[in-house]
PDB file of N, CA and C in Angstrom:
ATOM      1  N   UNK A   1       8.906  -8.943   2.270  1.00  0.00           N
ATOM      2  CA  UNK A   1       9.900  -8.707   3.292  1.00  0.00           C
ATOM      3  C   UNK A   1       9.583  -9.478   4.574  1.00  0.00           C
ATOM      4  N   UNK A   2       8.543 -10.262   4.555  1.00  0.00           N
ATOM      5  CA  UNK A   2       8.206 -11.070   5.724  1.00  0.00           C
ATOM      6  C   UNK A   2       9.023 -12.351   5.728  1.00  0.00           C
ATOM      7  N   UNK A   3       9.547 -12.717   6.867  1.00  0.00           N
ATOM      8  CA  UNK A   3      10.259 -13.991   6.991  1.00  0.00           C
ATOM      9  C   UNK A   3       9.281 -15.160   6.881  1.00  0.00           C
ATOM     10  N   UNK A   4       8.014 -14.902   7.171  1.00  0.00           N
ATOM     11  CA  UNK A   4       6.996 -15.960   7.144  1.00  0.00           C
ATOM     12  C   UNK A   4       6.025 -15.795   5.973  1.00  0.00           C
ATOM     13  N   UNK A   5       6.539 -15.338   4.844  1.00  0.00           N
ATOM     14  CA  UNK A   5       5.682 -15.078   3.678  1.00  0.00           C
ATOM     15  C   UNK A   5       4.949 -16.333   3.213  1.00  0.00           C
ATOM     16  N   UNK A   6       5.619 -17.484   3.217  1.00  0.00           N
ATOM     17  CA  UNK A   6       4.950 -18.722   2.798  1.00  0.00           C
ATOM     18  C   UNK A   6       3.777 -19.039   3.713  1.00  0.00           C
ATOM     19  N   UNK A   7       3.972 -18.866   5.002  1.00  0.00           N
ATOM     20  CA  UNK A   7       2.908 -19.126   5.978  1.00  0.00           C
ATOM     21  C   UNK A   7       1.736 -18.165   5.760  1.00  0.00           C
ATOM     22  N   UNK A   8       2.045 -16.888   5.543  1.00  0.00           N
ATOM     23  CA  UNK A   8       0.985 -15.907   5.296  1.00  0.00           C
ATOM     24  C   UNK A   8       0.189 -16.256   4.046  1.00  0.00           C
ATOM     25  N   UNK A   9       0.881 -16.585   2.960  1.00  0.00           N
ATOM     26  CA  UNK A   9       0.185 -16.935   1.727  1.00  0.00           C
ATOM     27  C   UNK A   9      -0.660 -18.192   1.929  1.00  0.00           C
ATOM     28  N   UNK A  10      -0.179 -19.133   2.727  1.00  0.00           N
ATOM     29  CA  UNK A  10      -0.960 -20.329   3.047  1.00  0.00           C
ATOM     30  C   UNK A  10      -2.243 -19.966   3.767  1.00  0.00           C
ATOM     31  N   UNK A  11      -2.155 -19.047   4.712  1.00  0.00           N
ATOM     32  CA  UNK A  11      -3.351 -18.592   5.433  1.00  0.00           C
ATOM     33  C   UNK A  11      -4.321 -17.888   4.490  1.00  0.00           C
ATOM     34  N   UNK A  12      -3.790 -17.053   3.604  1.00  0.00           N
ATOM     35  CA  UNK A  12      -4.641 -16.354   2.646  1.00  0.00           C
ATOM     36  C   UNK A  12      -5.396 -17.364   1.773  1.00  0.00           C
ATOM     37  N   UNK A  13      -4.678 -18.376   1.283  1.00  0.00           N
ATOM     38  CA  UNK A  13      -5.308 -19.397   0.437  1.00  0.00           C
ATOM     39  C   UNK A  13      -6.324 -20.211   1.219  1.00  0.00           C
ATOM     40  N   UNK A  14      -5.975 -20.572   2.446  1.00  0.00           N
ATOM     41  CA  UNK A  14      -6.861 -21.391   3.288  1.00  0.00           C
ATOM     42  C   UNK A  14      -8.194 -20.706   3.527  1.00  0.00           C
ATOM     43  N   UNK A  15      -8.169 -19.426   3.768  1.00  0.00           N
ATOM     44  CA  UNK A  15      -9.407 -18.704   4.063  1.00  0.00           C
ATOM     45  C   UNK A  15     -10.111 -18.220   2.802  1.00  0.00           C
ATOM     46  N   UNK A  16      -9.369 -17.995   1.740  1.00  0.00           N
ATOM     47  CA  UNK A  16      -9.948 -17.694   0.441  1.00  0.00           C
ATOM     48  C   UNK A  16     -10.688 -16.376   0.314  1.00  0.00           C
ATOM     49  N   UNK A  17     -10.715 -15.581   1.341  1.00  0.00           N
ATOM     50  CA  UNK A  17     -11.485 -14.334   1.253  1.00  0.00           C
ATOM     51  C   UNK A  17     -10.592 -13.099   1.325  1.00  0.00           C
ATOM     52  N   UNK A  18      -9.285 -13.256   1.372  1.00  0.00           N
ATOM     53  CA  UNK A  18      -8.377 -12.113   1.447  1.00  0.00           C
ATOM     54  C   UNK A  18      -8.241 -11.507   0.059  1.00  0.00           C
ATOM     55  N   UNK A  19      -8.563 -10.240  -0.060  1.00  0.00           N
ATOM     56  CA  UNK A  19      -8.480  -9.545  -1.344  1.00  0.00           C
ATOM     57  C   UNK A  19      -7.291  -8.592  -1.392  1.00  0.00           C
ATOM     58  N   UNK A  20      -6.922  -8.060  -0.210  1.00  0.00           N
ATOM     59  CA  UNK A  20      -5.850  -7.065  -0.173  1.00  0.00           C
ATOM     60  C   UNK A  20      -5.017  -7.226   1.092  1.00  0.00           C
ATOM     61  N   UNK A  21      -3.734  -6.983   0.939  1.00  0.00           N
ATOM     62  CA  UNK A  21      -2.791  -6.965   2.047  1.00  0.00           C
ATOM     63  C   UNK A  21      -2.143  -5.587   2.009  1.00  0.00           C
ATOM     64  N   UNK A  22      -2.363  -4.791   3.035  1.00  0.00           N
ATOM     65  CA  UNK A  22      -1.930  -3.393   3.044  1.00  0.00           C
ATOM     66  C   UNK A  22      -0.709  -3.204   3.927  1.00  0.00           C
ATOM     67  N   UNK A  23       0.194  -2.350   3.466  1.00  0.00           N
ATOM     68  CA  UNK A  23       1.368  -1.997   4.262  1.00  0.00           C
ATOM     69  C   UNK A  23       1.748  -0.559   3.955  1.00  0.00           C
ATOM     70  N   UNK A  24       2.682  -0.063   4.693  1.00  0.00           N
ATOM     71  CA  UNK A  24       3.140   1.297   4.475  1.00  0.00           C
ATOM     72  C   UNK A  24       4.504   1.485   5.091  1.00  0.00           C
ATOM     73  N   UNK A  25       4.882   2.707   5.231  1.00  0.00           N
ATOM     74  CA  UNK A  25       6.116   3.127   5.869  1.00  0.00           C
ATOM     75  C   UNK A  25       7.370   2.824   5.045  1.00  0.00           C
ATOM     76  N   UNK A  26       7.229   2.261   3.881  1.00  0.00           N
ATOM     77  CA  UNK A  26       8.402   1.914   3.082  1.00  0.00           C
ATOM     78  C   UNK A  26       8.825   3.049   2.145  1.00  0.00           C
ATOM     79  N   UNK A  27       8.089   4.162   2.138  1.00  0.00           N
ATOM     80  CA  UNK A  27       8.385   5.284   1.255  1.00  0.00           C
ATOM     81  C   UNK A  27       8.395   4.839  -0.205  1.00  0.00           C
ATOM     82  N   UNK A  28       7.458   3.958  -0.514  1.00  0.00           N
ATOM     83  CA  UNK A  28       7.271   3.482  -1.879  1.00  0.00           C
ATOM     84  C   UNK A  28       5.774   3.396  -2.152  1.00  0.00           C
ATOM     85  N   UNK A  29       5.415   3.525  -3.405  1.00  0.00           N
ATOM     86  CA  UNK A  29       4.024   3.347  -3.811  1.00  0.00           C
ATOM     87  C   UNK A  29       4.017   2.188  -4.796  1.00  0.00           C
ATOM     88  N   UNK A  30       3.362   1.111  -4.399  1.00  0.00           N
ATOM     89  CA  UNK A  30       3.333  -0.026  -5.303  1.00  0.00           C
ATOM     90  C   UNK A  30       2.108  -0.887  -5.055  1.00  0.00           C
ATOM     91  N   UNK A  31       1.738  -1.595  -6.103  1.00  0.00           N
ATOM     92  CA  UNK A  31       0.674  -2.590  -6.013  1.00  0.00           C
ATOM     93  C   UNK A  31       1.121  -3.804  -6.813  1.00  0.00           C
ATOM     94  N   UNK A  32       1.088  -4.935  -6.170  1.00  0.00           N
ATOM     95  CA  UNK A  32       1.452  -6.190  -6.813  1.00  0.00           C
ATOM     96  C   UNK A  32       0.272  -7.132  -6.645  1.00  0.00           C
ATOM     97  N   UNK A  33      -0.271  -7.609  -7.739  1.00  0.00           N
ATOM     98  CA  UNK A  33      -1.370  -8.573  -7.705  1.00  0.00           C
ATOM     99  C   UNK A  33      -0.780  -9.962  -7.893  1.00  0.00           C
ATOM    100  N   UNK A  34      -0.976 -10.813  -6.886  1.00  0.00           N
ATOM    101  CA  UNK A  34      -0.379 -12.144  -6.917  1.00  0.00           C
ATOM    102  C   UNK A  34      -1.319 -13.144  -6.259  1.00  0.00           C
ATOM    103  N   UNK A  35      -1.632 -14.206  -6.954  1.00  0.00           N
ATOM    104  CA  UNK A  35      -2.421 -15.307  -6.417  1.00  0.00           C
ATOM    105  C   UNK A  35      -3.766 -14.836  -5.848  1.00  0.00           C
ATOM    106  N   UNK A  36      -4.383 -13.862  -6.536  1.00  0.00           N
ATOM    107  CA  UNK A  36      -5.699 -13.375  -6.137  1.00  0.00           C
ATOM    108  C   UNK A  36      -5.707 -12.334  -5.036  1.00  0.00           C
ATOM    109  N   UNK A  37      -4.523 -11.924  -4.570  1.00  0.00           N
ATOM    110  CA  UNK A  37      -4.419 -10.923  -3.503  1.00  0.00           C
ATOM    111  C   UNK A  37      -3.653  -9.714  -4.047  1.00  0.00           C
ATOM    112  N   UNK A  38      -4.141  -8.516  -3.741  1.00  0.00           N
ATOM    113  CA  UNK A  38      -3.429  -7.291  -4.109  1.00  0.00           C
ATOM    114  C   UNK A  38      -2.604  -6.843  -2.913  1.00  0.00           C
ATOM    115  N   UNK A  39      -1.288  -6.781  -3.104  1.00  0.00           N
ATOM    116  CA  UNK A  39      -0.371  -6.310  -2.066  1.00  0.00           C
ATOM    117  C   UNK A  39      -0.094  -4.843  -2.359  1.00  0.00           C
ATOM    118  N   UNK A  40      -0.522  -3.982  -1.439  1.00  0.00           N
ATOM    119  CA  UNK A  40      -0.445  -2.546  -1.665  1.00  0.00           C
ATOM    120  C   UNK A  40       0.426  -1.915  -0.591  1.00  0.00           C
ATOM    121  N   UNK A  41       1.429  -1.157  -1.029  1.00  0.00           N
ATOM    122  CA  UNK A  41       2.270  -0.374  -0.132  1.00  0.00           C
ATOM    123  C   UNK A  41       1.985   1.090  -0.446  1.00  0.00           C
ATOM    124  N   UNK A  42       1.627   1.844   0.560  1.00  0.00           N
ATOM    125  CA  UNK A  42       1.148   3.215   0.367  1.00  0.00           C
ATOM    126  C   UNK A  42       2.073   4.291   0.910  1.00  0.00           C
ATOM    127  N   UNK A  43       3.353   4.162   0.719  1.00  0.00           N
ATOM    128  CA  UNK A  43       4.246   5.220   1.170  1.00  0.00           C
ATOM    129  C   UNK A  43       4.228   5.353   2.677  1.00  0.00           C
ATOM    130  N   UNK A  44       4.323   6.569   3.162  1.00  0.00           N
ATOM    131  CA  UNK A  44       4.306   6.827   4.603  1.00  0.00           C
ATOM    132  C   UNK A  44       3.633   8.180   4.815  1.00  0.00           C
ATOM    133  N   UNK A  45       2.615   8.205   5.624  1.00  0.00           N
ATOM    134  CA  UNK A  45       1.904   9.467   5.877  1.00  0.00           C
ATOM    135  C   UNK A  45       2.552  10.132   7.085  1.00  0.00           C
ATOM    136  N   UNK A  46       3.644  10.813   6.817  1.00  0.00           N
ATOM    137  CA  UNK A  46       4.338  11.587   7.845  1.00  0.00           C
ATOM    138  C   UNK A  46       4.912  12.803   7.161  1.00  0.00           C
ATOM    139  N   UNK A  47       5.339  13.738   7.931  1.00  0.00           N
ATOM    140  CA  UNK A  47       5.836  14.953   7.322  1.00  0.00           C
ATOM    141  C   UNK A  47       7.285  15.257   7.607  1.00  0.00           C
ATOM    142  N   UNK A  48       7.850  14.706   8.664  1.00  0.00           N
ATOM    143  CA  UNK A  48       9.186  15.124   9.060  1.00  0.00           C
ATOM    144  C   UNK A  48      10.253  14.747   8.036  1.00  0.00           C
ATOM    145  N   UNK A  49      10.039  13.705   7.262  1.00  0.00           N
ATOM    146  CA  UNK A  49      11.051  13.308   6.275  1.00  0.00           C
ATOM    147  C   UNK A  49      10.825  13.964   4.920  1.00  0.00           C
ATOM    148  N   UNK A  50       9.725  14.702   4.746  1.00  0.00           N
ATOM    149  CA  UNK A  50       9.426  15.290   3.444  1.00  0.00           C
ATOM    150  C   UNK A  50      10.261  16.539   3.191  1.00  0.00           C
ATOM    151  N   UNK A  51      11.464  16.321   2.793  1.00  0.00           N
ATOM    152  CA  UNK A  51      12.313  17.434   2.400  1.00  0.00           C
ATOM    153  C   UNK A  51      12.482  17.410   0.878  1.00  0.00           C
ATOM    154  N   UNK A  52      12.000  16.330   0.280  1.00  0.00           N
ATOM    155  CA  UNK A  52      11.981  16.119  -1.166  1.00  0.00           C
ATOM    156  C   UNK A  52      11.207  14.823  -1.373  1.00  0.00           C
ATOM    157  N   UNK A  53      10.806  14.500  -2.589  1.00  0.00           N
ATOM    158  CA  UNK A  53      10.184  13.187  -2.794  1.00  0.00           C
ATOM    159  C   UNK A  53      11.146  12.085  -2.378  1.00  0.00           C
ATOM    160  N   UNK A  54      10.739  11.260  -1.463  1.00  0.00           N
ATOM    161  CA  UNK A  54      11.581  10.180  -0.943  1.00  0.00           C
ATOM    162  C   UNK A  54      11.442   8.955  -1.825  1.00  0.00           C
ATOM    163  N   UNK A  55      12.533   8.520  -2.455  1.00  0.00           N
ATOM    164  CA  UNK A  55      12.529   7.333  -3.310  1.00  0.00           C
ATOM    165  C   UNK A  55      11.396   7.393  -4.339  1.00  0.00           C
ATOM    166  N   UNK A  56      11.199   8.569  -4.921  1.00  0.00           N
ATOM    167  CA  UNK A  56      10.180   8.809  -5.950  1.00  0.00           C
ATOM    168  C   UNK A  56       8.761   8.711  -5.404  1.00  0.00           C
ATOM    169  N   UNK A  57       8.593   8.867  -4.124  1.00  0.00           N
ATOM    170  CA  UNK A  57       7.268   8.834  -3.491  1.00  0.00           C
ATOM    171  C   UNK A  57       6.876  10.263  -3.138  1.00  0.00           C
ATOM    172  N   UNK A  58       6.029  10.865  -3.946  1.00  0.00           N
ATOM    173  CA  UNK A  58       5.592  12.230  -3.679  1.00  0.00           C
ATOM    174  C   UNK A  58       4.746  12.290  -2.412  1.00  0.00           C
ATOM    175  N   UNK A  59       4.712  13.472  -1.820  1.00  0.00           N
ATOM    176  CA  UNK A  59       3.927  13.689  -0.606  1.00  0.00           C
ATOM    177  C   UNK A  59       2.463  13.378  -0.876  1.00  0.00           C
ATOM    178  N   UNK A  60       1.886  12.472  -0.096  1.00  0.00           N
ATOM    179  CA  UNK A  60       0.498  12.114  -0.325  1.00  0.00           C
ATOM    180  C   UNK A  60       0.024  10.982   0.559  1.00  0.00           C
ATOM    181  N   UNK A  61      -1.053  10.359   0.139  1.00  0.00           N
ATOM    182  CA  UNK A  61      -1.682   9.302   0.927  1.00  0.00           C
ATOM    183  C   UNK A  61      -2.433   8.354  -0.005  1.00  0.00           C
ATOM    184  N   UNK A  62      -2.620   7.140   0.457  1.00  0.00           N
ATOM    185  CA  UNK A  62      -3.402   6.168  -0.277  1.00  0.00           C
ATOM    186  C   UNK A  62      -4.845   6.205   0.194  1.00  0.00           C
ATOM    187  N   UNK A  63      -5.745   5.945  -0.714  1.00  0.00           N
ATOM    188  CA  UNK A  63      -7.165   5.917  -0.388  1.00  0.00           C
ATOM    189  C   UNK A  63      -7.753   4.632  -0.961  1.00  0.00           C
ATOM    190  N   UNK A  64      -8.465   3.898  -0.117  1.00  0.00           N
ATOM    191  CA  UNK A  64      -9.055   2.634  -0.545  1.00  0.00           C
ATOM    192  C   UNK A  64     -10.552   2.686  -0.284  1.00  0.00           C
ATOM    193  N   UNK A  65     -11.345   2.350  -1.293  1.00  0.00           N
ATOM    194  CA  UNK A  65     -12.799   2.263  -1.166  1.00  0.00           C
ATOM    195  C   UNK A  65     -13.168   0.782  -1.192  1.00  0.00           C
ATOM    196  N   UNK A  66     -13.807   0.326  -0.138  1.00  0.00           N
ATOM    197  CA  UNK A  66     -14.222  -1.069  -0.034  1.00  0.00           C
ATOM    198  C   UNK A  66     -15.678  -1.194  -0.454  1.00  0.00           C
ATOM    199  N   UNK A  67     -15.983  -2.236  -1.233  1.00  0.00           N
ATOM    200  CA  UNK A  67     -17.334  -2.451  -1.728  1.00  0.00           C
ATOM    201  C   UNK A  67     -17.923  -3.726  -1.135  1.00  0.00           C
ATOM    202  N   UNK A  68     -19.237  -3.770  -1.041  1.00  0.00           N
ATOM    203  CA  UNK A  68     -19.945  -4.887  -0.406  1.00  0.00           C
ATOM    204  C   UNK A  68     -19.662  -6.233  -1.078  1.00  0.00           C
ATOM    205  N   UNK A  69     -19.327  -6.222  -2.361  1.00  0.00           N
ATOM    206  CA  UNK A  69     -19.074  -7.480  -3.069  1.00  0.00           C
ATOM    207  C   UNK A  69     -17.651  -8.011  -2.857  1.00  0.00           C
ATOM    208  N   UNK A  70     -16.865  -7.337  -2.005  1.00  0.00           N
ATOM    209  CA  UNK A  70     -15.499  -7.770  -1.730  1.00  0.00           C
ATOM    210  C   UNK A  70     -14.457  -7.105  -2.599  1.00  0.00           C
ATOM    211  N   UNK A  71     -14.872  -6.346  -3.595  1.00  0.00           N
ATOM    212  CA  UNK A  71     -13.923  -5.639  -4.451  1.00  0.00           C
ATOM    213  C   UNK A  71     -13.524  -4.319  -3.781  1.00  0.00           C
ATOM    214  N   UNK A  72     -12.539  -3.674  -4.363  1.00  0.00           N
ATOM    215  CA  UNK A  72     -12.109  -2.384  -3.824  1.00  0.00           C
ATOM    216  C   UNK A  72     -11.469  -1.560  -4.935  1.00  0.00           C
ATOM    217  N   UNK A  73     -11.406  -0.269  -4.693  1.00  0.00           N
ATOM    218  CA  UNK A  73     -10.693   0.661  -5.565  1.00  0.00           C
ATOM    219  C   UNK A  73      -9.599   1.292  -4.730  1.00  0.00           C
ATOM    220  N   UNK A  74      -8.427   1.448  -5.326  1.00  0.00           N
ATOM    221  CA  UNK A  74      -7.295   2.024  -4.614  1.00  0.00           C
ATOM    222  C   UNK A  74      -6.599   3.056  -5.476  1.00  0.00           C
ATOM    223  N   UNK A  75      -6.114   4.090  -4.859  1.00  0.00           N
ATOM    224  CA  UNK A  75      -5.329   5.092  -5.565  1.00  0.00           C
ATOM    225  C   UNK A  75      -4.475   5.876  -4.595  1.00  0.00           C
ATOM    226  N   UNK A  76      -3.408   6.440  -5.092  1.00  0.00           N
ATOM    227  CA  UNK A  76      -2.529   7.291  -4.294  1.00  0.00           C
ATOM    228  C   UNK A  76      -2.774   8.726  -4.716  1.00  0.00           C
ATOM    229  N   UNK A  77      -2.959   9.596  -3.742  1.00  0.00           N
ATOM    230  CA  UNK A  77      -3.288  10.988  -4.016  1.00  0.00           C
ATOM    231  C   UNK A  77      -2.229  11.894  -3.408  1.00  0.00           C
ATOM    232  N   UNK A  78      -1.663  12.747  -4.238  1.00  0.00           N
ATOM    233  CA  UNK A  78      -0.662  13.677  -3.726  1.00  0.00           C
ATOM    234  C   UNK A  78      -1.359  14.861  -3.080  1.00  0.00           C
ATOM    235  N   UNK A  79      -0.637  15.515  -2.180  1.00  0.00           N
ATOM    236  CA  UNK A  79      -1.187  16.657  -1.472  1.00  0.00           C
ATOM    237  C   UNK A  79      -1.247  17.901  -2.343  1.00  0.00           C
ATOM    238  N   UNK A  80      -0.455  17.927  -3.389  1.00  0.00           N
ATOM    239  CA  UNK A  80      -0.462  19.091  -4.271  1.00  0.00           C
ATOM    240  C   UNK A  80       0.476  20.189  -3.821  1.00  0.00           C
ATOM    241  N   UNK A  81       1.393  19.878  -2.934  1.00  0.00           N
ATOM    242  CA  UNK A  81       2.399  20.842  -2.513  1.00  0.00           C
ATOM    243  C   UNK A  81       3.751  20.156  -2.483  1.00  0.00           C
ATOM    244  N   UNK A  82       4.785  20.964  -2.485  1.00  0.00           N
ATOM    245  CA  UNK A  82       6.142  20.427  -2.491  1.00  0.00           C
ATOM    246  C   UNK A  82       6.812  20.816  -1.180  1.00  0.00           C
ATOM    247  N   UNK A  83       7.357  19.843  -0.485  1.00  0.00           N
ATOM    248  CA  UNK A  83       8.043  20.098   0.783  1.00  0.00           C
ATOM    249  C   UNK A  83       9.269  20.971   0.540  1.00  0.00           C
ATOM    250  N   UNK A  84       9.563  21.815   1.482  1.00  0.00           N
ATOM    251  CA  UNK A  84      10.731  22.707   1.388  1.00  0.00           C
ATOM    252  C   UNK A  84      11.899  22.094   2.142  1.00  0.00           C
ATOM    253  N   UNK A  85      13.087  22.049   1.519  1.00  0.00           N
ATOM    254  CA  UNK A  85      14.259  21.491   2.215  1.00  0.00           C
ATOM    255  C   UNK A  85      14.691  22.349   3.396  1.00  0.00           C
TER     256      UNK A  85
END
């Protein structure tokens, strides 16, 4: 959704050390691995809009563990409760 996506990807390639590009607020949970970079969208950590799962995004949060070798583990964790309308 960036107007300058080509420029961003050029910067990622130029530096060669970008492993993940993180975003949120889109009320979606997704991971796309492209050209050596994982693009992760982690929903939105807010409560006022939780009157039901928004666009199939259950109430929760993303958690990322970064490792010294540059790798990482990512997962989305639900809160275990259902918002009331």
